[in-house]
Amino acid sequence: VMYKRQNGGYGVLIPQ
């Protein structure tokens, strides 16, 4: 799952 970061980049959230 990708999400837009506030700094304009992207991050990946891995559900546990």
N, C-alpha and C. Protein backbone atom coordinates (compact mmCIF):
# COMPACT_ATOMS: atom_id res chain seq x y z
N VAL A 1 0.85 -1.19 0.00
CA VAL A 1 0.00 0.00 0.00
C VAL A 1 0.89 1.25 0.00
N MET A 2 0.72 2.09 -1.00
CA MET A 2 1.54 3.30 -1.07
C MET A 2 0.73 4.50 -0.62
N TYR A 3 1.41 5.46 0.00
CA TYR A 3 0.71 6.66 0.44
C TYR A 3 1.58 7.87 0.17
N LYS A 4 0.94 9.02 -0.05
CA LYS A 4 1.68 10.26 -0.34
C LYS A 4 2.16 10.86 0.97
N ARG A 5 3.46 11.13 1.04
CA ARG A 5 4.01 11.74 2.24
C ARG A 5 3.85 13.24 2.19
N GLN A 6 3.84 13.89 3.36
CA GLN A 6 3.67 15.34 3.42
C GLN A 6 4.84 16.07 2.78
N ASN A 7 6.01 15.41 2.71
CA ASN A 7 7.18 16.06 2.13
C ASN A 7 7.19 15.91 0.61
N GLY A 8 6.13 15.31 0.05
CA GLY A 8 6.03 15.20 -1.40
C GLY A 8 6.56 13.87 -1.93
N GLY A 9 7.14 13.06 -1.04
CA GLY A 9 7.65 11.76 -1.48
C GLY A 9 6.59 10.69 -1.28
N TYR A 10 7.01 9.45 -1.44
CA TYR A 10 6.07 8.35 -1.24
C TYR A 10 6.64 7.36 -0.23
N GLY A 11 5.73 6.69 0.46
CA GLY A 11 6.16 5.70 1.44
C GLY A 11 5.33 4.44 1.26
N VAL A 12 5.75 3.37 1.89
CA VAL A 12 5.01 2.10 1.80
C VAL A 12 4.61 1.67 3.20
N LEU A 13 3.33 1.43 3.38
CA LEU A 13 2.83 1.02 4.68
C LEU A 13 2.54 -0.48 4.63
N ILE A 14 3.23 -1.25 5.45
CA ILE A 14 3.06 -2.70 5.46
C ILE A 14 2.18 -3.11 6.63
N PRO A 15 0.98 -3.62 6.36
CA PRO A 15 0.09 -4.06 7.43
C PRO A 15 0.68 -5.26 8.17
N GLN A 16 0.53 -5.29 9.47
CA GLN A 16 1.10 -6.38 10.24
C GLN A 16 0.02 -7.33 10.74
